[in-house]
Amino acid sequence: MIIYNVTCNVNQDIAEEWLSWMQEVHIPEVMETGFFTKYRLVKVMHNQAGDDGINYSIQYHTENEQKLNEYQTLHGPGLKQKTLEKYGEKVLAFRTLLEVIVD
């Protein structure tokens, strides 16, 4: 099992709107691609000193790296672009790949 983790730093002034948009629009679009079996959306409880935004992590579960690579080739760029067009630099994201050892 592979987890595609997207950590987002969201400006406080748009955090509520962004969170609603993620739950109602973006995450459903990602899940509709069929490459992920489930997801989890979590709030990072303690931000680093000097970090004014709110941090969230979206963890998309997939069976293997091949499926993730297909998603990233076929759908990832377009979905990233939608977010960028909507929120610009008010949302900064970085992605990590995790391998589940014990579930």
PDB file of N, CA and C in Angstrom:
ATOM      1  N   MET A   1       0.848  -1.172   0.000  1.00  0.00           N
ATOM      2  CA  MET A   1       0.000   0.000   0.000  1.00  0.00           C
ATOM      3  C   MET A   1       0.894   1.236   0.000  1.00  0.00           C
ATOM      4  N   ILE A   2       0.535   2.199  -0.819  1.00  0.00           N
ATOM      5  CA  ILE A   2       1.260   3.455  -0.953  1.00  0.00           C
ATOM      6  C   ILE A   2       0.325   4.593  -0.543  1.00  0.00           C
ATOM      7  N   ILE A   3       0.863   5.567   0.182  1.00  0.00           N
ATOM      8  CA  ILE A   3       0.104   6.770   0.513  1.00  0.00           C
ATOM      9  C   ILE A   3       0.762   7.948  -0.196  1.00  0.00           C
ATOM     10  N   TYR A   4      -0.033   8.625  -0.992  1.00  0.00           N
ATOM     11  CA  TYR A   4       0.384   9.860  -1.658  1.00  0.00           C
ATOM     12  C   TYR A   4      -0.069  10.991  -0.754  1.00  0.00           C
ATOM     13  N   ASN A   5       0.871  11.596  -0.050  1.00  0.00           N
ATOM     14  CA  ASN A   5       0.575  12.614   0.953  1.00  0.00           C
ATOM     15  C   ASN A   5       0.792  14.003   0.365  1.00  0.00           C
ATOM     16  N   VAL A   6      -0.231  14.838   0.444  1.00  0.00           N
ATOM     17  CA  VAL A   6      -0.139  16.219  -0.010  1.00  0.00           C
ATOM     18  C   VAL A   6      -0.342  17.106   1.217  1.00  0.00           C
ATOM     19  N   THR A   7       0.708  17.820   1.607  1.00  0.00           N
ATOM     20  CA  THR A   7       0.633  18.722   2.747  1.00  0.00           C
ATOM     21  C   THR A   7       0.472  20.139   2.215  1.00  0.00           C
ATOM     22  N   CYS A   8      -0.538  20.839   2.733  1.00  0.00           N
ATOM     23  CA  CYS A   8      -0.867  22.179   2.249  1.00  0.00           C
ATOM     24  C   CYS A   8      -0.791  23.190   3.376  1.00  0.00           C
ATOM     25  N   ASN A   9      -0.128  24.304   3.116  1.00  0.00           N
ATOM     26  CA  ASN A   9      -0.135  25.444   4.018  1.00  0.00           C
ATOM     27  C   ASN A   9      -1.115  26.447   3.413  1.00  0.00           C
ATOM     28  N   VAL A  10      -2.186  26.734   4.159  1.00  0.00           N
ATOM     29  CA  VAL A  10      -3.291  27.548   3.650  1.00  0.00           C
ATOM     30  C   VAL A  10      -3.348  28.859   4.433  1.00  0.00           C
ATOM     31  N   ASN A  11      -3.392  29.985   3.727  1.00  0.00           N
ATOM     32  CA  ASN A  11      -3.557  31.273   4.407  1.00  0.00           C
ATOM     33  C   ASN A  11      -4.826  31.254   5.241  1.00  0.00           C
ATOM     34  N   GLN A  12      -4.743  31.817   6.431  1.00  0.00           N
ATOM     35  CA  GLN A  12      -5.880  31.795   7.342  1.00  0.00           C
ATOM     36  C   GLN A  12      -7.115  32.470   6.761  1.00  0.00           C
ATOM     37  N   ASP A  13      -6.941  33.506   5.955  1.00  0.00           N
ATOM     38  CA  ASP A  13      -8.092  34.242   5.430  1.00  0.00           C
ATOM     39  C   ASP A  13      -8.933  33.445   4.431  1.00  0.00           C
ATOM     40  N   ILE A  14      -8.406  32.358   3.906  1.00  0.00           N
ATOM     41  CA  ILE A  14      -9.186  31.527   2.968  1.00  0.00           C
ATOM     42  C   ILE A  14      -9.378  30.102   3.473  1.00  0.00           C
ATOM     43  N   ALA A  15      -8.923  29.808   4.682  1.00  0.00           N
ATOM     44  CA  ALA A  15      -8.890  28.426   5.171  1.00  0.00           C
ATOM     45  C   ALA A  15     -10.268  27.758   5.153  1.00  0.00           C
ATOM     46  N   GLU A  16     -11.305  28.432   5.624  1.00  0.00           N
ATOM     47  CA  GLU A  16     -12.632  27.814   5.650  1.00  0.00           C
ATOM     48  C   GLU A  16     -13.139  27.527   4.249  1.00  0.00           C
ATOM     49  N   GLU A  17     -12.976  28.493   3.348  1.00  0.00           N
ATOM     50  CA  GLU A  17     -13.422  28.292   1.967  1.00  0.00           C
ATOM     51  C   GLU A  17     -12.645  27.156   1.308  1.00  0.00           C
ATOM     52  N   TRP A  18     -11.323  27.144   1.503  1.00  0.00           N
ATOM     53  CA  TRP A  18     -10.474  26.106   0.913  1.00  0.00           C
ATOM     54  C   TRP A  18     -10.877  24.729   1.419  1.00  0.00           C
ATOM     55  N   LEU A  19     -11.113  24.612   2.725  1.00  0.00           N
ATOM     56  CA  LEU A  19     -11.483  23.332   3.322  1.00  0.00           C
ATOM     57  C   LEU A  19     -12.801  22.824   2.736  1.00  0.00           C
ATOM     58  N   SER A  20     -13.768  23.699   2.571  1.00  0.00           N
ATOM     59  CA  SER A  20     -15.043  23.308   1.946  1.00  0.00           C
ATOM     60  C   SER A  20     -14.829  22.884   0.509  1.00  0.00           C
ATOM     61  N   TRP A  21     -14.034  23.653  -0.235  1.00  0.00           N
ATOM     62  CA  TRP A  21     -13.766  23.335  -1.646  1.00  0.00           C
ATOM     63  C   TRP A  21     -13.061  21.994  -1.778  1.00  0.00           C
ATOM     64  N   MET A  22     -12.113  21.737  -0.878  1.00  0.00           N
ATOM     65  CA  MET A  22     -11.409  20.452  -0.920  1.00  0.00           C
ATOM     66  C   MET A  22     -12.389  19.298  -0.733  1.00  0.00           C
ATOM     67  N   GLN A  23     -13.278  19.420   0.251  1.00  0.00           N
ATOM     68  CA  GLN A  23     -14.211  18.340   0.568  1.00  0.00           C
ATOM     69  C   GLN A  23     -15.314  18.182  -0.464  1.00  0.00           C
ATOM     70  N   GLU A  24     -15.756  19.271  -1.051  1.00  0.00           N
ATOM     71  CA  GLU A  24     -16.892  19.227  -1.972  1.00  0.00           C
ATOM     72  C   GLU A  24     -16.494  19.082  -3.435  1.00  0.00           C
ATOM     73  N   VAL A  25     -15.288  19.552  -3.790  1.00  0.00           N
ATOM     74  CA  VAL A  25     -14.899  19.578  -5.205  1.00  0.00           C
ATOM     75  C   VAL A  25     -13.613  18.788  -5.466  1.00  0.00           C
ATOM     76  N   HIS A  26     -12.516  19.250  -4.893  1.00  0.00           N
ATOM     77  CA  HIS A  26     -11.212  18.709  -5.291  1.00  0.00           C
ATOM     78  C   HIS A  26     -11.020  17.234  -4.929  1.00  0.00           C
ATOM     79  N   ILE A  27     -11.227  16.880  -3.668  1.00  0.00           N
ATOM     80  CA  ILE A  27     -11.018  15.484  -3.277  1.00  0.00           C
ATOM     81  C   ILE A  27     -11.958  14.551  -4.035  1.00  0.00           C
ATOM     82  N   PRO A  28     -13.250  14.895  -4.197  1.00  0.00           N
ATOM     83  CA  PRO A  28     -14.095  14.025  -5.029  1.00  0.00           C
ATOM     84  C   PRO A  28     -13.571  13.867  -6.456  1.00  0.00           C
ATOM     85  N   GLU A  29     -13.009  14.937  -7.046  1.00  0.00           N
ATOM     86  CA  GLU A  29     -12.439  14.817  -8.390  1.00  0.00           C
ATOM     87  C   GLU A  29     -11.252  13.866  -8.406  1.00  0.00           C
ATOM     88  N   VAL A  30     -10.403  13.958  -7.397  1.00  0.00           N
ATOM     89  CA  VAL A  30      -9.254  13.047  -7.316  1.00  0.00           C
ATOM     90  C   VAL A  30      -9.737  11.605  -7.175  1.00  0.00           C
ATOM     91  N   MET A  31     -10.696  11.389  -6.298  1.00  0.00           N
ATOM     92  CA  MET A  31     -11.186  10.025  -6.054  1.00  0.00           C
ATOM     93  C   MET A  31     -11.909   9.455  -7.286  1.00  0.00           C
ATOM     94  N   GLU A  32     -12.573  10.314  -8.049  1.00  0.00           N
ATOM     95  CA  GLU A  32     -13.283   9.863  -9.250  1.00  0.00           C
ATOM     96  C   GLU A  32     -12.343   9.335 -10.329  1.00  0.00           C
ATOM     97  N   THR A  33     -11.050   9.641 -10.239  1.00  0.00           N
ATOM     98  CA  THR A  33     -10.104   9.124 -11.232  1.00  0.00           C
ATOM     99  C   THR A  33      -9.964   7.606 -11.128  1.00  0.00           C
ATOM    100  N   GLY A  34     -10.297   7.049  -9.954  1.00  0.00           N
ATOM    101  CA  GLY A  34     -10.236   5.603  -9.768  1.00  0.00           C
ATOM    102  C   GLY A  34      -8.874   5.051  -9.376  1.00  0.00           C
ATOM    103  N   PHE A  35      -7.902   5.920  -9.164  1.00  0.00           N
ATOM    104  CA  PHE A  35      -6.560   5.449  -8.833  1.00  0.00           C
ATOM    105  C   PHE A  35      -6.322   5.291  -7.338  1.00  0.00           C
ATOM    106  N   PHE A  36      -7.244   5.777  -6.520  1.00  0.00           N
ATOM    107  CA  PHE A  36      -7.071   5.713  -5.077  1.00  0.00           C
ATOM    108  C   PHE A  36      -8.224   4.952  -4.441  1.00  0.00           C
ATOM    109  N   THR A  37      -7.922   4.211  -3.377  1.00  0.00           N
ATOM    110  CA  THR A  37      -8.937   3.389  -2.718  1.00  0.00           C
ATOM    111  C   THR A  37      -9.621   4.115  -1.570  1.00  0.00           C
ATOM    112  N   LYS A  38      -8.912   5.046  -0.944  1.00  0.00           N
ATOM    113  CA  LYS A  38      -9.493   5.852   0.130  1.00  0.00           C
ATOM    114  C   LYS A  38      -8.600   7.064   0.357  1.00  0.00           C
ATOM    115  N   TYR A  39      -9.093   7.972   1.185  1.00  0.00           N
ATOM    116  CA  TYR A  39      -8.296   9.146   1.535  1.00  0.00           C
ATOM    117  C   TYR A  39      -8.563   9.520   2.986  1.00  0.00           C
ATOM    118  N   ARG A  40      -7.705  10.365   3.494  1.00  0.00           N
ATOM    119  CA  ARG A  40      -7.869  10.926   4.831  1.00  0.00           C
ATOM    120  C   ARG A  40      -7.441  12.394   4.746  1.00  0.00           C
ATOM    121  N   LEU A  41      -8.238  13.276   5.335  1.00  0.00           N
ATOM    122  CA  LEU A  41      -7.922  14.700   5.407  1.00  0.00           C
ATOM    123  C   LEU A  41      -7.713  15.043   6.874  1.00  0.00           C
ATOM    124  N   VAL A  42      -6.526  15.550   7.219  1.00  0.00           N
ATOM    125  CA  VAL A  42      -6.213  15.858   8.610  1.00  0.00           C
ATOM    126  C   VAL A  42      -5.631  17.262   8.719  1.00  0.00           C
ATOM    127  N   LYS A  43      -5.824  17.849   9.882  1.00  0.00           N
ATOM    128  CA  LYS A  43      -5.243  19.160  10.184  1.00  0.00           C
ATOM    129  C   LYS A  43      -3.992  18.929  11.024  1.00  0.00           C
ATOM    130  N   VAL A  44      -2.911  19.593  10.666  1.00  0.00           N
ATOM    131  CA  VAL A  44      -1.684  19.534  11.454  1.00  0.00           C
ATOM    132  C   VAL A  44      -1.917  20.409  12.685  1.00  0.00           C
ATOM    133  N   MET A  45      -1.771  19.824  13.851  1.00  0.00           N
ATOM    134  CA  MET A  45      -2.171  20.512  15.078  1.00  0.00           C
ATOM    135  C   MET A  45      -1.212  21.611  15.525  1.00  0.00           C
ATOM    136  N   HIS A  46       0.067  21.463  15.254  1.00  0.00           N
ATOM    137  CA  HIS A  46       1.035  22.459  15.702  1.00  0.00           C
ATOM    138  C   HIS A  46       1.865  22.927  14.517  1.00  0.00           C
ATOM    139  N   ASN A  47       1.733  24.198  14.187  1.00  0.00           N
ATOM    140  CA  ASN A  47       2.530  24.767  13.109  1.00  0.00           C
ATOM    141  C   ASN A  47       3.914  25.141  13.632  1.00  0.00           C
ATOM    142  N   GLN A  48       4.856  25.245  12.718  1.00  0.00           N
ATOM    143  CA  GLN A  48       6.199  25.663  13.084  1.00  0.00           C
ATOM    144  C   GLN A  48       6.192  27.147  13.433  1.00  0.00           C
ATOM    145  N   ALA A  49       7.131  27.564  14.241  1.00  0.00           N
ATOM    146  CA  ALA A  49       7.243  28.970  14.621  1.00  0.00           C
ATOM    147  C   ALA A  49       7.359  29.836  13.371  1.00  0.00           C
ATOM    148  N   GLY A  50       6.610  30.925  13.356  1.00  0.00           N
ATOM    149  CA  GLY A  50       6.650  31.845  12.223  1.00  0.00           C
ATOM    150  C   GLY A  50       5.740  31.455  11.082  1.00  0.00           C
ATOM    151  N   ASP A  51       5.040  30.348  11.203  1.00  0.00           N
ATOM    152  CA  ASP A  51       4.138  29.887  10.152  1.00  0.00           C
ATOM    153  C   ASP A  51       2.748  30.459  10.417  1.00  0.00           C
ATOM    154  N   ASP A  52       2.320  31.377   9.561  1.00  0.00           N
ATOM    155  CA  ASP A  52       1.043  32.060   9.762  1.00  0.00           C
ATOM    156  C   ASP A  52      -0.156  31.292   9.222  1.00  0.00           C
ATOM    157  N   GLY A  53       0.066  30.341   8.355  1.00  0.00           N
ATOM    158  CA  GLY A  53      -1.033  29.603   7.752  1.00  0.00           C
ATOM    159  C   GLY A  53      -1.479  28.437   8.606  1.00  0.00           C
ATOM    160  N   ILE A  54      -2.472  27.739   8.087  1.00  0.00           N
ATOM    161  CA  ILE A  54      -2.961  26.511   8.706  1.00  0.00           C
ATOM    162  C   ILE A  54      -2.527  25.359   7.812  1.00  0.00           C
ATOM    163  N   ASN A  55      -1.997  24.310   8.403  1.00  0.00           N
ATOM    164  CA  ASN A  55      -1.487  23.185   7.628  1.00  0.00           C
ATOM    165  C   ASN A  55      -2.440  22.002   7.672  1.00  0.00           C
ATOM    166  N   TYR A  56      -2.645  21.406   6.503  1.00  0.00           N
ATOM    167  CA  TYR A  56      -3.480  20.219   6.349  1.00  0.00           C
ATOM    168  C   TYR A  56      -2.697  19.181   5.571  1.00  0.00           C
ATOM    169  N   SER A  57      -3.062  17.923   5.792  1.00  0.00           N
ATOM    170  CA  SER A  57      -2.477  16.821   5.044  1.00  0.00           C
ATOM    171  C   SER A  57      -3.616  16.003   4.446  1.00  0.00           C
ATOM    172  N   ILE A  58      -3.519  15.748   3.153  1.00  0.00           N
ATOM    173  CA  ILE A  58      -4.475  14.870   2.487  1.00  0.00           C
ATOM    174  C   ILE A  58      -3.696  13.628   2.098  1.00  0.00           C
ATOM    175  N   GLN A  59      -4.147  12.479   2.572  1.00  0.00           N
ATOM    176  CA  GLN A  59      -3.448  11.216   2.343  1.00  0.00           C
ATOM    177  C   GLN A  59      -4.306  10.325   1.451  1.00  0.00           C
ATOM    178  N   TYR A  60      -3.855  10.155   0.217  1.00  0.00           N
ATOM    179  CA  TYR A  60      -4.561   9.318  -0.746  1.00  0.00           C
ATOM    180  C   TYR A  60      -3.901   7.940  -0.773  1.00  0.00           C
ATOM    181  N   HIS A  61      -4.691   6.890  -0.580  1.00  0.00           N
ATOM    182  CA  HIS A  61      -4.167   5.516  -0.553  1.00  0.00           C
ATOM    183  C   HIS A  61      -4.335   4.873  -1.929  1.00  0.00           C
ATOM    184  N   THR A  62      -3.266   4.227  -2.376  1.00  0.00           N
ATOM    185  CA  THR A  62      -3.303   3.516  -3.648  1.00  0.00           C
ATOM    186  C   THR A  62      -2.566   2.180  -3.499  1.00  0.00           C
ATOM    187  N   GLU A  63      -2.832   1.270  -4.412  1.00  0.00           N
ATOM    188  CA  GLU A  63      -2.293  -0.086  -4.303  1.00  0.00           C
ATOM    189  C   GLU A  63      -0.790  -0.167  -4.537  1.00  0.00           C
ATOM    190  N   ASN A  64      -0.286   0.633  -5.477  1.00  0.00           N
ATOM    191  CA  ASN A  64       1.129   0.532  -5.812  1.00  0.00           C
ATOM    192  C   ASN A  64       1.609   1.795  -6.529  1.00  0.00           C
ATOM    193  N   GLU A  65       2.918   1.878  -6.723  1.00  0.00           N
ATOM    194  CA  GLU A  65       3.509   3.054  -7.368  1.00  0.00           C
ATOM    195  C   GLU A  65       3.080   3.191  -8.829  1.00  0.00           C
ATOM    196  N   GLN A  66       2.827   2.083  -9.501  1.00  0.00           N
ATOM    197  CA  GLN A  66       2.399   2.145 -10.895  1.00  0.00           C
ATOM    198  C   GLN A  66       1.090   2.928 -11.016  1.00  0.00           C
ATOM    199  N   LYS A  67       0.141   2.648 -10.133  1.00  0.00           N
ATOM    200  CA  LYS A  67      -1.135   3.378 -10.166  1.00  0.00           C
ATOM    201  C   LYS A  67      -0.915   4.859  -9.871  1.00  0.00           C
ATOM    202  N   LEU A  68      -0.045   5.156  -8.914  1.00  0.00           N
ATOM    203  CA  LEU A  68       0.247   6.541  -8.605  1.00  0.00           C
ATOM    204  C   LEU A  68       0.880   7.236  -9.801  1.00  0.00           C
ATOM    205  N   ASN A  69       1.823   6.568 -10.450  1.00  0.00           N
ATOM    206  CA  ASN A  69       2.472   7.153 -11.625  1.00  0.00           C
ATOM    207  C   ASN A  69       1.467   7.424 -12.742  1.00  0.00           C
ATOM    208  N   GLU A  70       0.532   6.515 -12.934  1.00  0.00           N
ATOM    209  CA  GLU A  70      -0.510   6.726 -13.948  1.00  0.00           C
ATOM    210  C   GLU A  70      -1.363   7.936 -13.584  1.00  0.00           C
ATOM    211  N   TYR A  71      -1.761   8.030 -12.315  1.00  0.00           N
ATOM    212  CA  TYR A  71      -2.542   9.184 -11.861  1.00  0.00           C
ATOM    213  C   TYR A  71      -1.770  10.480 -12.129  1.00  0.00           C
ATOM    214  N   GLN A  72      -0.488  10.483 -11.734  1.00  0.00           N
ATOM    215  CA  GLN A  72       0.322  11.693 -11.891  1.00  0.00           C
ATOM    216  C   GLN A  72       0.495  12.080 -13.358  1.00  0.00           C
ATOM    217  N   THR A  73       0.520  11.111 -14.233  1.00  0.00           N
ATOM    218  CA  THR A  73       0.651  11.391 -15.664  1.00  0.00           C
ATOM    219  C   THR A  73      -0.668  11.871 -16.269  1.00  0.00           C
ATOM    220  N   LEU A  74      -1.755  11.173 -15.948  1.00  0.00           N
ATOM    221  CA  LEU A  74      -3.038  11.442 -16.596  1.00  0.00           C
ATOM    222  C   LEU A  74      -3.856  12.565 -15.954  1.00  0.00           C
ATOM    223  N   HIS A  75      -3.797  12.702 -14.638  1.00  0.00           N
ATOM    224  CA  HIS A  75      -4.715  13.620 -13.950  1.00  0.00           C
ATOM    225  C   HIS A  75      -4.037  14.660 -13.065  1.00  0.00           C
ATOM    226  N   GLY A  76      -2.897  14.331 -12.499  1.00  0.00           N
ATOM    227  CA  GLY A  76      -2.240  15.209 -11.539  1.00  0.00           C
ATOM    228  C   GLY A  76      -2.016  16.635 -12.017  1.00  0.00           C
ATOM    229  N   PRO A  77      -1.414  16.826 -13.196  1.00  0.00           N
ATOM    230  CA  PRO A  77      -1.134  18.195 -13.635  1.00  0.00           C
ATOM    231  C   PRO A  77      -2.393  19.068 -13.777  1.00  0.00           C
ATOM    232  N   GLY A  78      -3.449  18.528 -14.325  1.00  0.00           N
ATOM    233  CA  GLY A  78      -4.672  19.297 -14.499  1.00  0.00           C
ATOM    234  C   GLY A  78      -5.324  19.671 -13.179  1.00  0.00           C
ATOM    235  N   LEU A  79      -5.340  18.733 -12.227  1.00  0.00           N
ATOM    236  CA  LEU A  79      -5.941  19.012 -10.928  1.00  0.00           C
ATOM    237  C   LEU A  79      -5.091  20.000 -10.128  1.00  0.00           C
ATOM    238  N   LYS A  80      -3.778  19.904 -10.230  1.00  0.00           N
ATOM    239  CA  LYS A  80      -2.898  20.876  -9.576  1.00  0.00           C
ATOM    240  C   LYS A  80      -3.140  22.273 -10.154  1.00  0.00           C
ATOM    241  N   GLN A  81      -3.290  22.334 -11.465  1.00  0.00           N
ATOM    242  CA  GLN A  81      -3.500  23.623 -12.133  1.00  0.00           C
ATOM    243  C   GLN A  81      -4.804  24.281 -11.684  1.00  0.00           C
ATOM    244  N   LYS A  82      -5.859  23.493 -11.528  1.00  0.00           N
ATOM    245  CA  LYS A  82      -7.134  24.037 -11.043  1.00  0.00           C
ATOM    246  C   LYS A  82      -6.968  24.705  -9.683  1.00  0.00           C
ATOM    247  N   THR A  83      -6.229  24.034  -8.798  1.00  0.00           N
ATOM    248  CA  THR A  83      -6.001  24.590  -7.463  1.00  0.00           C
ATOM    249  C   THR A  83      -5.180  25.866  -7.547  1.00  0.00           C
ATOM    250  N   LEU A  84      -4.155  25.851  -8.359  1.00  0.00           N
ATOM    251  CA  LEU A  84      -3.301  27.025  -8.527  1.00  0.00           C
ATOM    252  C   LEU A  84      -4.100  28.206  -9.075  1.00  0.00           C
ATOM    253  N   GLU A  85      -4.953  27.954 -10.066  1.00  0.00           N
ATOM    254  CA  GLU A  85      -5.765  29.023 -10.648  1.00  0.00           C
ATOM    255  C   GLU A  85      -6.754  29.590  -9.631  1.00  0.00           C
ATOM    256  N   LYS A  86      -7.281  28.741  -8.773  1.00  0.00           N
ATOM    257  CA  LYS A  86      -8.285  29.178  -7.804  1.00  0.00           C
ATOM    258  C   LYS A  86      -7.662  29.927  -6.622  1.00  0.00           C
ATOM    259  N   TYR A  87      -6.516  29.439  -6.120  1.00  0.00           N
ATOM    260  CA  TYR A  87      -5.954  29.991  -4.885  1.00  0.00           C
ATOM    261  C   TYR A  87      -4.573  30.619  -5.008  1.00  0.00           C
ATOM    262  N   GLY A  88      -3.917  30.436  -6.137  1.00  0.00           N
ATOM    263  CA  GLY A  88      -2.600  31.035  -6.323  1.00  0.00           C
ATOM    264  C   GLY A  88      -1.639  30.646  -5.206  1.00  0.00           C
ATOM    265  N   GLU A  89      -0.924  31.629  -4.701  1.00  0.00           N
ATOM    266  CA  GLU A  89       0.071  31.373  -3.662  1.00  0.00           C
ATOM    267  C   GLU A  89      -0.501  31.439  -2.251  1.00  0.00           C
ATOM    268  N   LYS A  90      -1.823  31.490  -2.141  1.00  0.00           N
ATOM    269  CA  LYS A  90      -2.444  31.443  -0.813  1.00  0.00           C
ATOM    270  C   LYS A  90      -2.470  30.013  -0.277  1.00  0.00           C
ATOM    271  N   VAL A  91      -2.167  29.057  -1.150  1.00  0.00           N
ATOM    272  CA  VAL A  91      -2.040  27.658  -0.747  1.00  0.00           C
ATOM    273  C   VAL A  91      -0.726  27.132  -1.312  1.00  0.00           C
ATOM    274  N   LEU A  92       0.154  26.714  -0.435  1.00  0.00           N
ATOM    275  CA  LEU A  92       1.425  26.133  -0.855  1.00  0.00           C
ATOM    276  C   LEU A  92       1.400  24.660  -0.492  1.00  0.00           C
ATOM    277  N   ALA A  93       1.776  23.819  -1.437  1.00  0.00           N
ATOM    278  CA  ALA A  93       1.690  22.374  -1.211  1.00  0.00           C
ATOM    279  C   ALA A  93       3.018  21.694  -1.518  1.00  0.00           C
ATOM    280  N   PHE A  94       3.272  20.642  -0.769  1.00  0.00           N
ATOM    281  CA  PHE A  94       4.372  19.748  -1.133  1.00  0.00           C
ATOM    282  C   PHE A  94       3.886  18.317  -0.964  1.00  0.00           C
ATOM    283  N   ARG A  95       4.479  17.440  -1.740  1.00  0.00           N
ATOM    284  CA  ARG A  95       4.013  16.058  -1.821  1.00  0.00           C
ATOM    285  C   ARG A  95       5.093  15.093  -1.371  1.00  0.00           C
ATOM    286  N   THR A  96       4.667  14.052  -0.663  1.00  0.00           N
ATOM    287  CA  THR A  96       5.579  12.989  -0.249  1.00  0.00           C
ATOM    288  C   THR A  96       4.910  11.652  -0.531  1.00  0.00           C
ATOM    289  N   LEU A  97       5.732  10.659  -0.715  1.00  0.00           N
ATOM    290  CA  LEU A  97       5.265   9.306  -0.981  1.00  0.00           C
ATOM    291  C   LEU A  97       5.622   8.439   0.224  1.00  0.00           C
ATOM    292  N   LEU A  98       4.621   7.759   0.774  1.00  0.00           N
ATOM    293  CA  LEU A  98       4.816   6.919   1.958  1.00  0.00           C
ATOM    294  C   LEU A  98       4.482   5.480   1.628  1.00  0.00           C
ATOM    295  N   GLU A  99       5.257   4.563   2.174  1.00  0.00           N
ATOM    296  CA  GLU A  99       4.961   3.139   2.027  1.00  0.00           C
ATOM    297  C   GLU A  99       4.439   2.607   3.357  1.00  0.00           C
ATOM    298  N   VAL A 100       3.282   1.982   3.330  1.00  0.00           N
ATOM    299  CA  VAL A 100       2.695   1.428   4.540  1.00  0.00           C
ATOM    300  C   VAL A 100       3.423   0.138   4.894  1.00  0.00           C
ATOM    301  N   ILE A 101       3.938   0.075   6.119  1.00  0.00           N
ATOM    302  CA  ILE A 101       4.606  -1.121   6.614  1.00  0.00           C
ATOM    303  C   ILE A 101       3.613  -1.991   7.373  1.00  0.00           C
ATOM    304  N   VAL A 102       2.855  -1.397   8.287  1.00  0.00           N
ATOM    305  CA  VAL A 102       1.842  -2.096   9.059  1.00  0.00           C
ATOM    306  C   VAL A 102       0.588  -1.240   9.029  1.00  0.00           C
ATOM    307  N   ASP A 103      -0.537  -1.873   8.777  1.00  0.00           N
ATOM    308  CA  ASP A 103      -1.803  -1.119   8.725  1.00  0.00           C
ATOM    309  C   ASP A 103      -2.779  -1.706   9.724  1.00  0.00           C
TER     310      ASP A 103
END
